[in-house]
Amino acid sequence: MVHAPAGRARTRRSARPSNYLHGARLRILKEVCGDLDLELVQLGAPSTPTVEPEAALADADIVVGYGRSVLEGMAMGRAAYVWDYVGGDGWVTPESYPALEADGFSGAATDAIIDADRLRADFARYRPELGAVGFDLIRTHHSATEHAEALVELLGGASAPTSEDVLETLSRLVRAECRAAIRADRLEAETRRLLEEREAQRARADAAEAQRARADAAEAQLDTLLRSRSWRLAAPLRRARALLSRR
């Protein structure tokens, strides 16, 4: 039996399964989640890459992503929100599903422009039934059994593969290009992580330097005060006050 767990009445946690969301859009997502007191769990490069996202998705209220990650969130009975590095279309609902599914949940099915205000307003309108609705939609339209039957029927009508030097060469080139693209994506993610780490270190160094400057300025002001004529003239009064305080 397949079971779709019910979402919490009040949203508490959001999962972001993506290898590509970074920079300004990721900052917007963090800002909105912070404003709504919503915990953000990040999955994917460069922060927390994983091949087993099921536990994190199952424990989330909202799954934010695009493509396959949206389907995985719906399959776990979670409310799915289409939004990633290329843009977004918002909540997956029975009304929006046909257009979003036809576009592959890529975030380009509508003319929606989702900025921080729109994202904040959408998350605030979260309803737990969105998860159950998404589960019903994916069970209806993405049945593994029906897909397997369609694939078997398609393969049954295909001719037996033939070995040709040209096709073999093309297949090798395609595989090589795919491997190169994967390596390039990983290098880009690592470079981005290092740049963000360097910027964070620079910000910490600037903050420490500013603090040292403030401390030096305060010390200079104190030294000026202690050397001033008024401070020296008031010394007897301070001693008398201290004596009275002790008595």
Protein backbone atom coordinates (compact mmCIF):
# COMPACT_ATOMS: atom_id res chain seq x y z
CA MET A 1 0.00 0.00 0.00
CA VAL A 2 1.26 3.47 -0.87
CA HIS A 3 0.80 6.08 1.85
CA ALA A 4 1.06 9.85 1.51
CA PRO A 5 1.76 11.45 4.90
CA ALA A 6 -0.30 14.50 5.80
CA GLY A 7 1.49 17.86 6.06
CA ARG A 8 1.62 19.88 9.26
CA ALA A 9 -1.09 22.47 9.77
CA ARG A 10 1.56 25.20 10.03
CA THR A 11 4.58 25.09 7.77
CA ARG A 12 7.81 24.57 9.70
CA ARG A 13 10.47 23.31 7.31
CA SER A 14 11.32 23.88 3.65
CA ALA A 15 13.62 21.63 1.60
CA ARG A 16 15.62 22.92 -1.35
CA PRO A 17 16.90 19.95 -3.43
CA SER A 18 19.01 21.57 -6.16
CA ASN A 19 22.59 21.61 -7.41
CA TYR A 20 22.19 24.97 -9.12
CA LEU A 21 20.37 27.46 -6.88
CA HIS A 22 22.95 29.96 -5.61
CA GLY A 23 23.76 33.65 -5.41
CA ALA A 24 20.94 36.19 -5.26
CA ARG A 25 18.10 33.66 -5.61
CA LEU A 26 19.42 31.53 -2.77
CA ARG A 27 19.79 34.64 -0.61
CA ILE A 28 16.16 35.54 -1.38
CA LEU A 29 15.01 32.07 -0.34
CA LYS A 30 17.01 32.24 2.90
CA GLU A 31 15.67 35.72 3.64
CA VAL A 32 12.05 34.70 3.09
CA CYS A 33 12.40 31.54 5.18
CA GLY A 34 13.98 33.61 7.95
CA ASP A 35 11.16 36.15 7.84
CA LEU A 36 8.57 33.38 8.15
CA ASP A 37 10.50 31.48 10.84
CA LEU A 38 10.80 28.59 8.40
CA GLU A 39 13.76 26.23 8.60
CA LEU A 40 15.51 25.79 5.24
CA VAL A 41 17.15 22.43 4.55
CA GLN A 42 19.49 22.55 1.55
CA LEU A 43 20.19 19.42 -0.47
CA GLY A 44 22.63 19.19 -3.35
CA ALA A 45 25.96 20.69 -4.32
CA PRO A 46 27.88 22.48 -3.06
CA SER A 47 26.46 22.40 0.48
CA THR A 48 25.04 18.92 1.13
CA PRO A 49 25.17 16.58 -1.88
CA THR A 50 23.28 13.34 -1.31
CA VAL A 51 21.96 10.36 -3.25
CA GLU A 52 19.29 9.67 -0.60
CA PRO A 53 17.13 12.79 -0.21
CA GLU A 54 14.04 10.86 0.84
CA ALA A 55 14.34 11.47 4.59
CA ALA A 56 14.81 15.23 4.23
CA LEU A 57 11.96 15.51 1.73
CA ALA A 58 9.63 13.46 3.91
CA ASP A 59 10.33 15.70 6.90
CA ALA A 60 9.74 18.94 4.96
CA ASP A 61 6.49 20.83 4.55
CA ILE A 62 7.47 22.52 1.27
CA VAL A 63 9.79 21.21 -1.44
CA VAL A 64 11.22 24.05 -3.52
CA GLY A 65 12.86 23.09 -6.80
CA TYR A 66 12.32 22.28 -10.44
CA GLY A 67 12.15 19.26 -12.71
CA ARG A 68 12.57 15.90 -11.03
CA SER A 69 12.89 17.35 -7.54
CA VAL A 70 9.32 18.66 -7.80
CA LEU A 71 8.05 15.18 -8.72
CA GLU A 72 10.02 13.63 -5.87
CA GLY A 73 8.51 16.08 -3.41
CA MET A 74 5.01 15.35 -4.70
CA ALA A 75 5.66 11.60 -4.48
CA MET A 76 6.52 12.11 -0.78
CA GLY A 77 3.22 13.92 -0.24
CA ARG A 78 4.86 17.32 0.20
CA ALA A 79 3.62 20.67 -1.05
CA ALA A 80 5.66 21.40 -4.19
CA TYR A 81 6.78 24.89 -5.24
CA VAL A 82 8.41 25.35 -8.66
CA TRP A 83 11.27 27.85 -8.28
CA ASP A 84 14.97 27.58 -8.96
CA TYR A 85 17.87 29.35 -10.65
CA VAL A 86 15.98 29.89 -13.94
CA GLY A 87 12.79 31.28 -12.41
CA GLY A 88 9.59 29.73 -11.21
CA ASP A 89 5.85 29.20 -11.53
CA GLY A 90 4.76 28.79 -7.91
CA TRP A 91 2.63 26.12 -6.26
CA VAL A 92 1.71 22.89 -8.02
CA THR A 93 -2.09 22.69 -7.83
CA PRO A 94 -4.76 20.88 -9.86
CA GLU A 95 -5.24 24.11 -11.85
CA SER A 96 -1.56 24.78 -12.52
CA TYR A 97 -0.48 21.15 -12.99
CA PRO A 98 -1.26 20.72 -16.74
CA ALA A 99 0.83 23.73 -17.79
CA LEU A 100 3.63 23.02 -15.31
CA GLU A 101 3.82 19.33 -16.24
CA ALA A 102 3.85 20.12 -19.98
CA ASP A 103 6.83 22.40 -19.35
CA GLY A 104 8.62 19.72 -17.33
CA PHE A 105 8.33 21.79 -14.14
CA SER A 106 11.22 23.88 -15.46
CA GLY A 107 9.91 27.18 -14.11
CA ALA A 108 9.06 28.65 -17.51
CA ALA A 109 5.45 27.55 -17.96
CA THR A 110 4.00 30.93 -17.04
CA ASP A 111 4.94 34.61 -17.15
CA ALA A 112 5.23 34.75 -13.37
CA ILE A 113 8.04 36.84 -11.90
CA ILE A 114 8.70 35.54 -8.41
CA ASP A 115 10.61 38.05 -6.31
CA ALA A 116 11.04 38.10 -2.53
CA ASP A 117 7.60 39.65 -1.94
CA ARG A 118 5.84 37.10 -4.13
CA LEU A 119 7.77 34.22 -2.55
CA ARG A 120 6.98 35.46 0.94
CA ALA A 121 3.27 35.84 0.15
CA ASP A 122 3.08 32.39 -1.48
CA PHE A 123 4.78 30.63 1.42
CA ALA A 124 2.50 32.44 3.86
CA ARG A 125 -0.48 30.93 1.99
CA TYR A 126 0.80 27.37 2.51
CA ARG A 127 -1.94 24.82 3.13
CA PRO A 128 -1.23 21.24 4.29
CA GLU A 129 -3.64 19.81 1.71
CA LEU A 130 -1.26 20.91 -1.05
CA GLY A 131 0.86 17.86 -0.23
CA ALA A 132 -2.03 15.42 -0.50
CA VAL A 133 -3.20 17.03 -3.75
CA GLY A 134 0.29 16.79 -5.23
CA PHE A 135 0.51 13.13 -4.26
CA ASP A 136 -2.80 12.39 -5.97
CA LEU A 137 -1.66 14.24 -9.10
CA ILE A 138 1.59 12.33 -9.44
CA ARG A 139 -0.11 9.00 -8.69
CA THR A 140 -2.64 9.72 -11.44
CA HIS A 141 -0.30 11.07 -14.10
CA HIS A 142 3.04 9.42 -13.32
CA SER A 143 2.19 5.79 -12.73
CA ALA A 144 5.34 3.65 -12.97
CA THR A 145 3.26 0.73 -14.18
CA GLU A 146 1.73 2.70 -17.05
CA HIS A 147 5.12 4.12 -18.02
CA ALA A 148 6.64 0.62 -18.05
CA GLU A 149 3.81 -0.73 -20.19
CA ALA A 150 4.20 2.14 -22.66
CA LEU A 151 7.96 1.54 -22.84
CA VAL A 152 7.51 -2.19 -23.45
CA GLU A 153 5.02 -1.45 -26.22
CA LEU A 154 7.37 1.06 -27.80
CA LEU A 155 10.33 -1.31 -27.69
CA GLY A 156 8.21 -4.16 -29.00
CA GLY A 157 7.63 -2.29 -32.25
CA ALA A 158 11.24 -1.22 -32.70
CA SER A 159 13.67 -3.01 -34.96
CA ALA A 160 16.69 -4.79 -33.55
CA PRO A 161 19.69 -2.49 -33.06
CA THR A 162 22.43 -2.68 -35.65
CA SER A 163 26.11 -2.07 -35.17
CA GLU A 164 27.43 0.78 -37.32
CA ASP A 165 30.77 2.50 -36.97
CA VAL A 166 29.21 5.95 -37.35
CA LEU A 167 26.62 5.36 -34.64
CA GLU A 168 29.24 3.86 -32.33
CA THR A 169 31.46 6.90 -32.81
CA LEU A 170 28.55 9.25 -32.16
CA SER A 171 27.60 7.37 -29.01
CA ARG A 172 31.15 7.66 -27.69
CA LEU A 173 31.17 11.37 -28.43
CA VAL A 174 27.85 11.87 -26.66
CA ARG A 175 29.07 9.98 -23.59
CA ALA A 176 32.31 11.97 -23.56
CA GLU A 177 30.40 15.23 -23.83
CA CYS A 178 28.09 14.19 -21.01
CA ARG A 179 31.03 13.34 -18.75
CA ALA A 180 32.69 16.66 -19.60
CA ALA A 181 29.48 18.55 -18.80
CA ILE A 182 29.19 16.79 -15.44
CA ARG A 183 32.80 17.64 -14.58
CA ALA A 184 32.26 21.24 -15.64
CA ASP A 185 29.18 21.52 -13.42
CA ARG A 186 31.10 20.11 -10.47
CA LEU A 187 34.03 22.46 -11.04
CA GLU A 188 31.64 25.40 -11.34
CA ALA A 189 29.94 24.46 -8.08
CA GLU A 190 33.29 24.06 -6.31
CA THR A 191 34.54 27.39 -7.68
CA ARG A 192 31.34 29.08 -6.55
CA ARG A 193 31.72 27.55 -3.09
CA LEU A 194 35.31 28.75 -2.80
CA LEU A 195 34.37 32.25 -3.93
CA GLU A 196 31.54 32.44 -1.41
CA GLU A 197 33.89 31.16 1.31
CA ARG A 198 36.50 33.78 0.38
CA GLU A 199 33.88 36.54 0.46
CA ALA A 200 32.74 35.36 3.90
CA GLN A 201 36.33 35.38 5.16
CA ARG A 202 36.86 38.85 3.73
CA ALA A 203 33.69 40.08 5.44
CA ARG A 204 34.87 38.64 8.76
CA ALA A 205 38.29 40.26 8.31
CA ASP A 206 36.69 43.63 7.51
CA ALA A 207 34.47 43.35 10.59
CA ALA A 208 37.47 42.51 12.79
CA GLU A 209 39.43 45.45 11.35
CA ALA A 210 36.53 47.80 12.00
CA GLN A 211 36.28 46.54 15.57
CA ARG A 212 40.01 47.10 16.10
CA ALA A 213 39.68 50.61 14.70
CA ARG A 214 36.83 51.38 17.11
CA ALA A 215 38.85 49.97 20.01
CA ASP A 216 41.88 52.09 19.04
CA ALA A 217 39.72 55.20 18.78
CA ALA A 218 38.16 54.55 22.19
CA GLU A 219 41.59 53.98 23.71
CA ALA A 220 42.87 57.22 22.19
CA GLN A 221 39.87 59.12 23.58
CA LEU A 222 40.48 57.62 27.03
CA ASP A 223 44.15 58.52 26.90
CA THR A 224 43.27 62.09 25.91
CA LEU A 225 40.83 62.32 28.80
CA LEU A 226 43.33 60.99 31.32
CA ARG A 227 45.97 63.50 30.17
CA SER A 228 43.56 66.46 30.22
CA ARG A 229 43.94 69.33 32.75
CA SER A 230 40.31 69.00 33.92
CA TRP A 231 40.85 65.32 34.81
CA ARG A 232 43.94 66.19 36.87
CA LEU A 233 42.19 69.08 38.64
CA ALA A 234 39.24 66.82 39.53
CA ALA A 235 41.47 64.15 41.07
CA PRO A 236 40.99 65.37 44.69
CA LEU A 237 37.22 65.34 44.25
CA ARG A 238 37.31 61.77 42.95
CA ARG A 239 39.42 60.67 45.92
CA ALA A 240 37.04 62.36 48.35
CA ARG A 241 34.06 60.73 46.70
CA ALA A 242 35.70 57.31 46.86
CA LEU A 243 36.48 57.83 50.57
CA LEU A 244 32.87 58.82 51.31
CA SER A 245 31.61 55.82 49.39
CA ARG A 246 33.74 53.46 51.49
CA ARG A 247 32.50 55.07 54.71
